[in-house]
Amino acid sequence: MLLARVLGRVVATRKDEKLEGLKLLMLGVAGPDGKLTGASLVAVDAVGAGEGEYVLYAAGSSARQTTVTDQKPVDAVIMAIVDSWDIEGTEKYRKGNE
């Protein structure tokens, strides 16, 4: 699992039929301090994430292991919305305290 922040939505009106009905979100990859690394990607949202939220995502063949993405042509899926994280006992992020 990897950490990212939701930057916004991606709309694609013409796509493979297996992608119909899936919400696509633009993610900015984040480091352990929550700062964006500069890398970005598009992921299918399996959990109802929203803009500005930190999420955990899986990439590669693992992205096709959720109920939403099973047997679909996806390379990244958001599978969790982050509530908080700490490193060595120091809280780095708590949802709602940004």
Protein backbone atom coordinates (compact mmCIF):
# COMPACT_ATOMS: atom_id res chain seq x y z
CA MET A 1 0.00 0.00 0.00
CA LEU A 2 1.11 3.49 -0.81
CA LEU A 3 0.17 6.91 0.56
CA ALA A 4 -1.29 9.69 -1.58
CA ARG A 5 -3.53 12.75 -1.43
CA VAL A 6 -6.56 13.15 -3.67
CA LEU A 7 -5.95 16.11 -5.98
CA GLY A 8 -9.16 15.96 -8.00
CA ARG A 9 -11.37 14.00 -10.38
CA VAL A 10 -10.65 12.62 -13.82
CA VAL A 11 -13.50 12.40 -16.32
CA ALA A 12 -13.26 10.14 -19.37
CA THR A 13 -16.50 9.86 -21.33
CA ARG A 14 -15.04 7.35 -23.80
CA LYS A 15 -13.46 4.35 -22.13
CA ASP A 16 -13.44 0.57 -22.06
CA GLU A 17 -16.85 -0.79 -21.08
CA LYS A 18 -15.33 -2.51 -18.03
CA LEU A 19 -14.53 0.96 -16.63
CA GLU A 20 -18.10 2.26 -16.94
CA GLY A 21 -19.43 3.54 -13.62
CA LEU A 22 -16.03 3.70 -11.92
CA LYS A 23 -14.95 6.98 -10.30
CA LEU A 24 -11.44 8.04 -11.32
CA LEU A 25 -9.36 10.30 -9.09
CA MET A 26 -6.04 12.08 -9.62
CA LEU A 27 -3.63 11.31 -6.78
CA GLY A 28 -0.46 13.05 -5.68
CA VAL A 29 1.99 10.59 -4.13
CA ALA A 30 2.93 11.60 -0.57
CA GLY A 31 5.93 10.92 1.62
CA PRO A 32 5.81 9.97 5.31
CA ASP A 33 5.58 13.65 6.26
CA GLY A 34 2.49 14.07 4.06
CA LYS A 35 4.26 16.31 1.57
CA LEU A 36 3.68 15.55 -2.09
CA THR A 37 6.66 14.06 -3.91
CA GLY A 38 5.75 15.47 -7.33
CA ALA A 39 4.65 12.11 -8.72
CA SER A 40 1.00 11.63 -9.62
CA LEU A 41 -1.32 8.95 -10.96
CA VAL A 42 -4.95 8.16 -11.72
CA ALA A 43 -6.69 5.55 -9.56
CA VAL A 44 -10.13 3.97 -9.37
CA ASP A 45 -11.92 4.93 -6.14
CA ALA A 46 -13.26 1.87 -4.33
CA VAL A 47 -14.10 3.63 -1.03
CA GLY A 48 -15.70 7.03 -1.74
CA ALA A 49 -12.67 9.27 -1.23
CA GLY A 50 -12.87 13.01 -1.78
CA GLU A 51 -10.59 15.82 -2.83
CA GLY A 52 -7.97 16.72 -0.24
CA GLU A 53 -8.16 13.43 1.64
CA TYR A 54 -5.15 11.22 2.25
CA VAL A 55 -5.68 7.69 0.96
CA LEU A 56 -3.95 4.36 0.68
CA TYR A 57 -3.75 2.88 -2.78
CA ALA A 58 -2.48 -0.30 -4.37
CA ALA A 59 -0.87 -0.49 -7.78
CA GLY A 60 -0.17 -3.22 -10.31
CA SER A 61 -1.93 -6.57 -10.12
CA SER A 62 -2.95 -5.84 -6.50
CA ALA A 63 -5.21 -3.08 -7.85
CA ARG A 64 -7.51 -5.74 -9.28
CA GLN A 65 -8.10 -7.42 -5.91
CA THR A 66 -11.00 -5.28 -4.64
CA THR A 67 -14.67 -6.04 -5.20
CA VAL A 68 -14.98 -2.87 -7.31
CA THR A 69 -11.97 -3.62 -9.55
CA ASP A 70 -12.07 -7.42 -9.88
CA GLN A 71 -11.36 -8.44 -13.49
CA LYS A 72 -11.16 -4.79 -14.62
CA PRO A 73 -8.27 -3.18 -16.54
CA VAL A 74 -6.96 -0.98 -13.72
CA ASP A 75 -3.44 -0.37 -12.46
CA ALA A 76 -4.25 1.62 -9.29
CA VAL A 77 -7.10 1.54 -6.78
CA ILE A 78 -7.88 3.61 -3.69
CA MET A 79 -8.74 1.10 -0.97
CA ALA A 80 -8.67 3.13 2.24
CA ILE A 81 -9.17 6.69 3.50
CA VAL A 82 -6.55 7.63 6.09
CA ASP A 83 -7.72 8.91 9.48
CA SER A 84 -4.27 9.45 11.00
CA TRP A 85 -0.67 8.30 11.09
CA ASP A 86 2.27 8.68 13.39
CA ILE A 87 5.99 8.01 13.06
CA GLU A 88 8.02 6.96 16.09
CA GLY A 89 5.29 8.17 18.42
CA THR A 90 4.89 11.59 16.79
CA GLU A 91 1.57 12.25 15.12
CA LYS A 92 2.17 13.43 11.56
CA TYR A 93 -1.44 13.70 10.40
CA ARG A 94 -4.96 13.54 11.79
CA LYS A 95 -7.99 14.01 9.54
CA GLY A 96 -9.74 17.27 10.31
CA ASN A 97 -6.63 18.90 11.82
CA GLU A 98 -4.99 19.93 8.56
